[in-house]
Protein backbone atom coordinates (compact mmCIF):
# COMPACT_ATOMS: atom_id res chain seq x y z
CA MET A 1 82.96 58.71 184.89
CA ARG A 2 82.49 60.65 188.30
CA GLU A 3 79.52 62.21 188.82
CA PHE A 4 78.87 65.45 191.06
CA ASP A 5 75.85 67.26 192.12
CA LEU A 6 77.71 70.73 191.05
CA LEU A 7 80.97 71.20 189.22
CA ILE A 8 82.08 74.97 189.27
CA ILE A 9 84.72 76.18 186.65
CA GLY A 10 86.73 78.99 188.15
CA ALA A 11 87.59 79.85 191.63
CA GLY A 12 86.90 83.63 191.75
CA SER A 13 83.32 84.94 192.34
CA GLY A 14 82.24 81.36 191.33
CA ASN A 15 84.06 79.99 194.63
CA SER A 16 81.26 82.19 196.16
CA VAL A 17 78.44 80.32 195.01
CA LEU A 18 78.82 77.68 197.57
CA GLY A 19 76.97 77.83 200.94
CA PRO A 20 75.74 76.16 203.76
CA GLU A 21 72.73 75.17 201.60
CA HIS A 22 75.30 72.87 199.69
CA ASP A 23 76.81 71.01 202.51
CA ASP A 24 75.20 68.12 201.75
CA TRP A 25 75.92 68.44 197.81
CA ASN A 26 78.94 66.48 196.28
CA VAL A 27 80.73 69.45 194.73
CA ALA A 28 83.72 69.70 192.37
CA ILE A 29 85.79 72.90 191.86
CA ALA A 30 88.32 73.17 188.65
CA GLU A 31 90.65 75.90 188.87
CA HIS A 32 94.03 75.55 186.97
CA GLY A 33 95.23 79.09 188.41
CA LEU A 34 95.25 80.80 192.26
CA PHE A 35 91.99 80.86 193.86
CA GLY A 36 90.51 83.93 194.21
CA GLY A 37 90.57 84.97 190.50
CA THR A 38 91.74 87.65 188.88
CA CYS A 39 90.36 90.48 191.64
CA LEU A 40 92.23 88.98 194.35
CA ASN A 41 95.55 87.68 192.46
CA VAL A 42 96.12 90.26 189.55
CA GLY A 43 93.12 92.53 189.78
CA CYS A 44 91.18 94.84 191.76
CA ILE A 45 92.84 94.14 195.03
CA PRO A 46 96.59 94.44 194.66
CA SER A 47 96.17 97.30 192.31
CA LYS A 48 94.48 99.51 194.52
CA MET A 49 97.01 98.65 197.34
CA PHE A 50 99.45 99.80 194.97
CA VAL A 51 97.06 102.71 194.39
CA TYR A 52 96.72 103.72 197.66
CA ALA A 53 100.85 104.09 197.96
CA ALA A 54 100.68 106.18 194.85
CA GLU A 55 98.38 108.41 196.32
CA VAL A 56 100.46 108.61 199.44
CA ALA A 57 103.26 109.94 196.88
CA GLU A 58 101.18 112.09 195.09
CA ILE A 59 100.22 113.83 198.57
CA ALA A 60 103.64 114.19 199.72
CA ALA A 61 104.51 115.44 196.47
CA ASP A 62 101.68 118.45 196.65
CA GLY A 63 102.32 119.29 200.39
CA GLY A 64 103.79 122.90 199.73
CA ARG A 65 100.95 123.86 198.04
CA TYR A 66 99.10 123.95 201.75
CA GLY A 67 102.21 125.09 203.65
CA VAL A 68 103.15 121.72 204.64
CA HIS A 69 106.93 120.55 204.00
CA THR A 70 106.61 117.42 202.51
CA ARG A 71 107.98 116.11 199.29
CA MET A 72 108.48 112.76 197.23
CA GLU A 73 112.25 111.56 197.61
CA GLY A 74 111.50 108.10 195.85
CA ALA A 75 109.95 104.93 196.46
CA ASP A 76 111.16 101.50 197.75
CA TRP A 77 109.28 99.30 194.98
CA ALA A 78 110.28 95.81 196.41
CA ALA A 79 108.87 96.96 199.95
CA ILE A 80 105.71 98.25 198.47
CA ARG A 81 105.29 95.19 196.06
CA ASP A 82 106.11 92.84 199.08
CA ARG A 83 103.77 94.70 201.30
CA VAL A 84 101.11 93.79 198.82
CA PHE A 85 101.55 90.29 197.76
CA GLY A 86 102.59 89.05 201.28
CA ARG A 87 99.24 89.64 202.16
CA ILE A 88 97.54 88.58 199.13
CA ASP A 89 99.46 85.30 198.30
CA PRO A 90 98.42 83.60 201.63
CA ILE A 91 94.79 84.62 201.29
CA ALA A 92 94.93 82.35 197.75
CA GLN A 93 96.74 79.53 199.13
CA SER A 94 94.27 79.19 202.19
CA GLY A 95 90.99 79.71 200.12
CA LEU A 96 92.84 76.44 198.09
CA GLU A 97 93.40 74.39 201.42
CA TRP A 98 90.29 74.96 202.88
CA ARG A 99 88.46 73.86 199.81
CA HIS A 100 90.87 70.84 199.67
CA GLY A 101 89.96 70.29 203.33
CA LEU A 102 86.21 69.93 202.99
CA ASP A 103 84.58 66.64 202.86
CA ASN A 104 82.03 67.22 200.11
CA VAL A 105 84.34 69.25 197.68
CA THR A 106 86.77 67.88 195.23
CA VAL A 107 89.46 70.22 193.91
CA PHE A 108 90.97 70.09 190.52
CA GLU A 109 93.60 71.99 190.00
CA ASN A 110 93.44 71.63 186.47
CA THR A 111 92.21 73.26 183.06
CA ALA A 112 88.24 72.28 182.30
CA ARG A 113 87.22 71.76 178.79
CA PHE A 114 83.66 70.62 177.68
CA VAL A 115 83.85 67.22 175.90
CA GLY A 116 80.27 66.90 175.65
CA PRO A 117 76.65 67.99 177.22
CA LYS A 118 77.54 67.82 180.95
CA GLN A 119 80.68 66.36 180.42
CA VAL A 120 83.84 68.01 181.31
CA ASP A 121 87.64 66.85 181.09
CA VAL A 122 89.70 68.22 184.00
CA GLY A 123 93.49 67.30 183.70
CA GLY A 124 92.65 64.24 181.54
CA GLU A 125 89.53 62.77 183.47
CA THR A 126 86.23 63.29 182.20
CA VAL A 127 83.55 64.22 184.94
CA THR A 128 79.67 65.12 184.77
CA ALA A 129 77.27 67.27 187.20
CA GLN A 130 73.82 67.76 187.48
CA GLN A 131 74.53 71.38 187.65
CA ILE A 132 77.66 73.19 186.13
CA VAL A 133 78.59 76.93 186.73
CA ILE A 134 81.19 78.59 184.32
CA ALA A 135 82.83 81.17 186.07
CA ALA A 136 86.29 81.23 184.29
CA GLY A 137 86.78 85.00 184.12
CA ALA A 138 88.67 86.76 180.98
CA ARG A 139 92.32 87.46 180.34
CA ALA A 140 94.46 90.33 179.06
CA ALA A 141 93.89 90.98 175.66
CA VAL A 142 97.29 91.14 173.47
CA PRO A 143 97.06 92.92 170.04
CA ASN A 144 98.69 91.60 166.93
CA ILE A 145 101.61 93.75 166.46
CA GLU A 146 104.85 92.36 164.92
CA GLY A 147 107.37 91.66 167.01
CA LEU A 148 105.36 92.19 170.29
CA GLU A 149 105.78 88.77 171.16
CA ASP A 150 109.48 88.86 171.45
CA CYS A 151 110.24 91.84 172.96
CA GLY A 152 109.17 90.86 176.72
CA TYR A 153 106.25 93.27 177.31
CA HIS A 154 104.13 93.12 180.68
CA THR A 155 100.34 92.92 181.32
CA SER A 156 98.06 93.48 184.67
CA ASP A 157 99.05 89.95 185.41
CA THR A 158 102.94 90.41 185.67
CA ILE A 159 103.47 94.31 185.62
CA MET A 160 102.72 94.47 189.78
CA ARG A 161 105.30 91.64 190.55
CA LEU A 162 108.20 93.36 188.98
CA ASP A 163 111.51 93.20 190.98
CA GLU A 164 112.59 97.04 190.27
CA LEU A 165 110.60 100.06 189.15
CA PRO A 166 111.14 100.62 185.63
CA GLU A 167 113.05 104.27 185.02
CA ARG A 168 111.29 104.27 181.84
CA LEU A 169 107.72 102.87 180.96
CA LEU A 170 105.66 102.85 177.84
CA VAL A 171 101.88 102.05 177.99
CA LEU A 172 99.98 100.67 175.53
CA GLY A 173 96.37 101.96 175.92
CA GLY A 174 93.98 104.29 177.37
CA GLY A 175 91.42 102.55 179.80
CA TYR A 176 91.08 102.14 183.06
CA ILE A 177 93.92 99.17 183.77
CA ALA A 178 96.59 101.63 181.59
CA ALA A 179 95.34 104.91 183.54
CA GLU A 180 95.56 102.97 187.01
CA LEU A 181 98.82 100.98 186.56
CA GLY A 182 100.69 103.62 184.74
CA GLY A 183 99.50 106.27 186.94
CA VAL A 184 100.74 103.80 190.09
CA MET A 185 103.86 103.82 188.20
CA GLY A 186 104.13 107.11 187.40
CA ALA A 187 103.41 108.73 190.98
CA LEU A 188 106.32 106.56 192.23
CA GLY A 189 109.02 107.43 189.99
CA SER A 190 108.72 106.09 186.49
CA ASP A 191 108.94 108.19 183.39
CA VAL A 192 105.85 107.42 181.67
CA THR A 193 104.47 107.26 178.24
CA PHE A 194 100.89 106.59 177.25
CA VAL A 195 100.11 105.23 173.42
CA LEU A 196 96.58 105.88 172.67
CA ARG A 197 94.48 105.03 170.00
CA GLY A 198 92.02 107.58 170.26
CA ASP A 199 92.26 111.41 171.43
CA THR A 200 91.44 110.76 175.15
CA PHE A 201 91.80 108.31 177.92
CA LEU A 202 88.54 106.38 179.18
CA ARG A 203 86.61 106.65 175.87
CA ARG A 204 83.66 105.29 177.40
CA GLU A 205 83.35 107.96 179.99
CA ASP A 206 81.03 110.82 179.50
CA GLU A 207 82.86 113.65 177.26
CA ASP A 208 83.21 116.16 180.19
CA ILE A 209 85.23 113.78 182.29
CA ARG A 210 87.26 111.99 179.84
CA SER A 211 88.47 115.24 178.69
CA ARG A 212 89.24 116.50 182.25
CA PHE A 213 91.01 113.07 182.65
CA THR A 214 93.30 113.46 179.55
CA GLU A 215 93.98 116.87 180.27
CA ALA A 216 95.38 115.74 184.27
CA MET A 217 97.04 112.85 182.64
CA SER A 218 98.79 115.08 180.15
CA GLU A 219 100.29 117.51 182.64
CA LYS A 220 102.12 114.78 184.16
CA TYR A 221 103.27 112.12 181.80
CA LYS A 222 103.64 111.93 178.02
CA VAL A 223 100.57 111.12 176.18
CA VAL A 224 100.43 110.29 172.51
CA THR A 225 97.04 110.39 171.19
CA ASP A 226 95.64 109.12 167.75
CA ALA A 227 98.26 106.66 167.78
CA SER A 228 98.91 103.05 166.07
CA VAL A 229 102.05 100.99 166.93
CA ARG A 230 103.30 99.03 163.68
CA SER A 231 105.93 97.12 165.32
CA ALA A 232 107.77 96.41 168.60
CA ARG A 233 111.84 95.32 169.20
CA ARG A 234 114.16 95.17 172.11
CA GLU A 235 117.72 96.65 171.17
CA GLY A 236 120.42 95.43 173.26
CA GLU A 237 121.81 91.85 174.66
CA GLU A 238 121.99 92.26 178.15
CA PRO A 239 118.44 92.80 180.11
CA LYS A 240 119.39 95.58 182.04
CA LYS A 241 121.23 97.52 179.07
CA SER A 242 118.51 96.90 176.68
CA GLU A 243 115.38 98.80 175.74
CA ILE A 244 112.11 98.39 174.08
CA VAL A 245 111.29 100.34 171.01
CA LEU A 246 107.98 101.00 169.49
CA ASP A 247 107.23 102.00 166.17
CA VAL A 248 104.44 104.48 165.61
CA ASP A 249 102.19 106.22 163.25
CA GLY A 250 101.38 108.99 165.62
CA PRO A 251 100.84 112.62 165.38
CA GLY A 252 103.21 115.01 164.26
CA ASP A 253 106.72 113.60 164.36
CA VAL A 254 106.26 110.91 166.84
CA SER A 255 107.35 107.97 165.30
CA GLU A 256 109.67 106.02 167.67
CA LEU A 257 109.45 105.31 171.70
CA ARG A 258 111.74 104.00 173.83
CA GLY A 259 111.44 102.69 177.11
CA ASP A 260 112.79 100.11 179.58
CA ALA A 261 109.34 98.16 179.72
CA LEU A 262 106.17 97.98 178.20
CA LEU A 263 102.62 97.43 179.57
CA VAL A 264 100.12 96.32 177.24
CA ALA A 265 96.72 97.18 178.65
CA THR A 266 94.06 96.93 175.66
CA GLY A 267 91.34 95.68 177.23
CA ARG A 268 90.56 91.90 178.52
CA ILE A 269 88.80 89.10 176.74
CA PRO A 270 86.52 86.28 177.81
CA ASN A 271 88.26 82.78 178.62
CA SER A 272 85.82 80.96 176.64
CA ALA A 273 87.64 79.50 174.00
CA GLY A 274 89.81 76.85 176.29
CA LEU A 275 86.39 75.92 177.49
CA ASN A 276 85.15 74.63 174.31
CA PRO A 277 81.94 75.50 175.23
CA SER A 278 80.34 74.20 172.00
CA ALA A 279 80.93 70.74 172.68
CA GLY A 280 78.75 71.52 176.05
CA GLY A 281 75.74 72.88 174.09
CA VAL A 282 76.83 76.24 175.33
CA HIS A 283 76.70 79.09 172.96
CA THR A 284 78.73 82.36 172.76
CA ASN A 285 78.64 85.07 171.03
CA ASP A 286 80.90 86.70 168.33
CA ALA A 287 82.92 88.44 170.69
CA GLY A 288 83.48 85.12 173.03
CA TYR A 289 80.92 85.73 175.59
CA VAL A 290 78.68 83.09 176.93
CA LEU A 291 75.34 83.75 176.29
CA VAL A 292 73.05 83.87 179.30
CA ASP A 293 69.44 84.95 180.49
CA GLU A 294 68.34 86.79 183.21
CA TYR A 295 68.49 83.95 185.51
CA CYS A 296 72.33 83.36 184.40
CA GLN A 297 71.28 80.20 182.76
CA THR A 298 73.15 79.40 179.44
CA THR A 299 71.68 77.52 176.35
CA ALA A 300 72.44 74.20 177.86
CA PRO A 301 70.04 72.80 180.45
CA GLY A 302 71.50 72.95 183.92
CA VAL A 303 74.77 75.22 182.92
CA TRP A 304 74.88 78.60 184.45
CA ALA A 305 77.37 81.39 183.59
CA LEU A 306 78.42 84.31 185.79
CA GLY A 307 81.00 87.24 185.93
CA ASP A 308 83.85 88.18 183.09
CA ILE A 309 83.24 85.45 181.01
CA ALA A 310 79.50 86.25 180.11
CA ASN A 311 79.32 89.80 181.13
CA PRO A 312 81.15 92.39 179.00
CA VAL A 313 81.36 95.03 181.81
CA GLN A 314 84.00 92.81 183.60
CA LEU A 315 83.26 94.33 187.11
CA LYS A 316 83.70 92.30 190.24
CA HIS A 317 80.80 93.73 191.94
CA VAL A 318 78.51 92.44 189.10
CA ALA A 319 80.07 89.39 189.15
CA ASN A 320 79.35 88.77 193.12
CA HIS A 321 76.04 90.09 192.05
CA GLU A 322 75.80 87.28 189.76
CA ALA A 323 76.93 84.51 191.82
CA ARG A 324 74.63 85.41 194.76
CA VAL A 325 71.86 85.20 192.06
CA VAL A 326 73.37 81.47 190.85
CA ARG A 327 73.55 80.68 194.40
CA HIS A 328 69.98 81.38 194.98
CA ASN A 329 68.76 79.73 191.80
CA LEU A 330 70.64 76.51 192.03
CA THR A 331 68.89 75.73 195.31
CA HIS A 332 65.39 77.38 194.25
CA PRO A 333 64.53 75.96 190.75
CA ALA A 334 60.77 77.00 191.21
CA ASP A 335 61.59 80.35 192.50
CA LEU A 336 64.57 81.70 189.98
CA LYS A 337 65.80 85.27 191.00
CA ALA A 338 66.78 87.70 187.64
CA VAL A 339 69.76 89.97 187.93
CA ASP A 340 69.37 93.31 188.44
CA HIS A 341 71.96 95.21 185.93
CA ARG A 342 69.71 98.60 185.80
CA PHE A 343 72.38 100.85 187.51
CA ILE A 344 75.91 99.03 187.07
CA PRO A 345 78.32 101.73 188.54
CA HIS A 346 82.09 101.78 188.12
CA ALA A 347 85.00 103.60 189.18
CA VAL A 348 89.02 104.30 187.87
CA PHE A 349 91.11 104.61 190.96
CA GLY A 350 93.84 106.94 189.07
CA HIS A 351 94.78 110.28 190.07
CA PRO A 352 92.36 111.88 189.58
CA GLN A 353 89.73 109.37 190.65
CA VAL A 354 86.52 108.66 188.63
CA ALA A 355 83.14 107.30 189.07
CA SER A 356 79.96 107.13 186.89
CA VAL A 357 76.62 105.37 186.76
CA GLY A 358 73.83 105.45 184.02
CA LEU A 359 73.89 107.30 181.04
CA THR A 360 76.56 109.56 179.37
CA GLU A 361 75.42 112.51 177.98
CA ARG A 362 76.00 111.32 174.46
CA GLU A 363 73.84 108.03 175.09
CA CYS A 364 71.04 110.47 176.41
CA THR A 365 71.37 112.61 173.26
CA GLU A 366 71.43 109.15 171.00
CA GLY A 367 68.58 107.34 172.86
CA GLY A 368 66.21 110.61 172.09
CA TYR A 369 66.10 111.72 175.94
CA SER A 370 64.95 115.20 176.86
CA TYR A 371 67.33 115.84 179.33
CA VAL A 372 69.10 118.40 181.78
CA PRO A 373 72.72 118.11 182.64
CA LYS A 374 74.77 120.35 185.40
CA VAL A 375 78.52 120.16 185.72
CA HIS A 376 79.13 121.22 189.13
CA PRO A 377 82.78 122.15 190.71
CA TYR A 378 83.96 120.79 193.87
CA ALA A 379 85.44 124.23 194.52
CA ALA A 380 81.59 125.44 195.17
CA CYS A 381 81.52 123.37 198.32
CA ALA A 382 83.52 123.91 201.67
CA TYR A 383 85.64 121.01 201.53
CA GLY A 384 86.36 121.56 197.81
CA TRP A 385 87.56 125.02 199.37
CA ALA A 386 89.93 123.05 201.85
CA LEU A 387 91.33 120.78 198.95
CA GLU A 388 91.98 124.00 196.91
CA ASP A 389 90.45 122.27 194.26
CA THR A 390 89.97 123.72 191.09
CA THR A 391 89.42 120.76 188.25
CA SER A 392 86.96 118.31 189.73
CA VAL A 393 83.33 118.23 189.21
CA VAL A 394 80.04 116.41 189.49
CA LYS A 395 78.15 115.81 186.91
CA VAL A 396 74.47 115.07 186.76
CA ILE A 397 71.88 114.28 184.14
CA ALA A 398 68.30 114.33 184.79
CA ASP A 399 65.15 113.35 182.80
CA ALA A 400 63.36 116.70 181.98
CA ASN A 401 59.87 115.07 182.29
CA THR A 402 60.12 112.41 185.03
CA ARG A 403 62.97 114.17 186.80
CA ARG A 404 64.72 110.97 187.55
CA LEU A 405 68.44 110.61 187.46
CA LEU A 406 69.96 109.29 183.98
CA GLY A 407 73.22 109.49 184.99
CA ALA A 408 76.17 110.78 187.27
CA HIS A 409 79.66 111.08 186.49
CA ILE A 410 82.10 112.54 189.17
CA ILE A 411 86.31 113.10 188.58
CA GLY A 412 88.01 114.30 191.81
CA PRO A 413 89.10 112.98 195.33
CA GLN A 414 86.52 110.36 196.96
CA ALA A 415 84.80 110.09 193.46
CA SER A 416 84.02 106.09 194.07
CA THR A 417 82.53 106.86 197.51
CA LEU A 418 80.34 109.81 196.71
CA ILE A 419 79.09 108.10 193.46
CA GLN A 420 77.04 105.80 195.96
CA GLN A 421 74.45 108.14 197.06
CA LEU A 422 73.33 108.53 193.47
CA ILE A 423 73.34 105.03 193.07
CA GLN A 424 71.27 104.46 196.19
CA GLY A 425 68.83 107.03 194.71
CA MET A 426 68.43 105.76 191.42
CA ALA A 427 67.76 102.19 192.56
CA PHE A 428 65.07 103.44 194.78
CA ASP A 429 63.40 105.54 192.05
CA LEU A 430 63.71 108.83 193.68
CA THR A 431 63.43 112.05 191.76
CA VAL A 432 66.67 114.33 191.75
CA ASP A 433 64.66 116.97 193.58
CA GLN A 434 64.13 113.75 196.64
CA MET A 435 67.77 113.01 196.58
CA ALA A 436 68.45 116.81 196.88
CA ALA A 437 65.83 117.89 199.41
CA GLN A 438 64.75 114.98 201.72
CA GLN A 439 67.64 114.43 203.45
CA TYR A 440 70.68 115.91 205.33
CA TYR A 441 74.16 116.11 203.79
CA ILE A 442 76.60 116.82 206.41
CA HIS A 443 78.42 120.27 206.35
CA PRO A 444 81.07 120.98 205.38
CA ALA A 445 81.60 117.33 204.24
CA LEU A 446 82.42 116.53 200.61
CA PRO A 447 79.27 115.13 199.74
CA GLU A 448 77.53 118.77 199.79
CA VAL A 449 79.19 118.86 196.07
CA VAL A 450 76.59 116.47 195.26
CA GLU A 451 73.74 117.70 196.79
CA GLN A 452 74.36 121.36 195.23
CA ALA A 453 74.37 119.55 191.87
CA LEU A 454 71.33 118.01 192.33
CA LEU A 455 69.82 121.24 193.97
CA GLU A 456 70.92 123.31 190.31
CA LEU A 457 69.11 120.57 188.07
């Protein structure tokens, strides 16, 4: 049995655990898929490259509002796709080749599976290691719907590599993946229908934000809410002449929906089952997430876990933070660092864009906080005027007693950038008054809307 100093399972954020301090370690990496993981290959990076192309299309279609003679005349889907993956695919390949070329690193291009404490089967060979890092990520969740497996659906793993833009796209789900990728297809020319279990998109967002987002999406696309899909089937023999049919229990007279392609975007689940973690003494919860402490240690000594397989927020910036913590802890066992998950932000790169950090108003109420909320429109600041914006807002929620920011929620242009100054203020334990008054905000830049919202708390 070959023995290593360190075995890393997964080459997404797990790949960044290695640093110069490990140059004299005998390291193994097990990765059965593409190097770079979800974010590089099928997630954050390619999707945002598509999102930007869709944003250009949205701007072109809206030029007349500003007296500019532009219009959206269609998109060359294949050219957009090839631009995206023509840049991304070589990065994944070069990452694999680079690791193969290191004298102290052995790469197993196989699935890893625990067969005992600190014993892992990789492609039929059992190996062991003094330290093991589990960073195997998550995968698309597919609901148990009659006929779905046979009708030829897509997930976020495959939809971006289509050869042609679907004329009619059905999207099952109302979370950020559904909103982003369905919005991309719609902006580039597809006739999109969203099928939601609940009454709004983005159900975990603050009520003011998700209701505004749902209204904006409903103005552009067909949105079927409070619906459940009974079954799915494909009608027609030839692929280009066939269509997907969903039998739906929906509102009113909605009972059947038809499209040329189906995107299933109903969440993601951790890749723990295939790892057989219990054989290695690694415990998981009922949802399949690997249990870790504040240092990213699992229940098995010498075994660590990070990223989507251990953290249900499933965000790349969280996985990167955890990778830095694990990297330190591997080489400093007497001085362990804990993760800092106090203020985890997230963003939805749709049209409109959404960003959030901290508690929603509903969570503040349920938590018994005495709080002060303020919803402030972009239109109140000078750059909001320039944008002719009538729908975007910043919502801030402060503790009425301590004056600390409990939560911040933004919907509108540059939301994912505007939220950063509020994250920083929370991290440095500033009051909302300090955030508002003890720094300059450039006039007439868009961050003034954040300043104004804070001043009104």
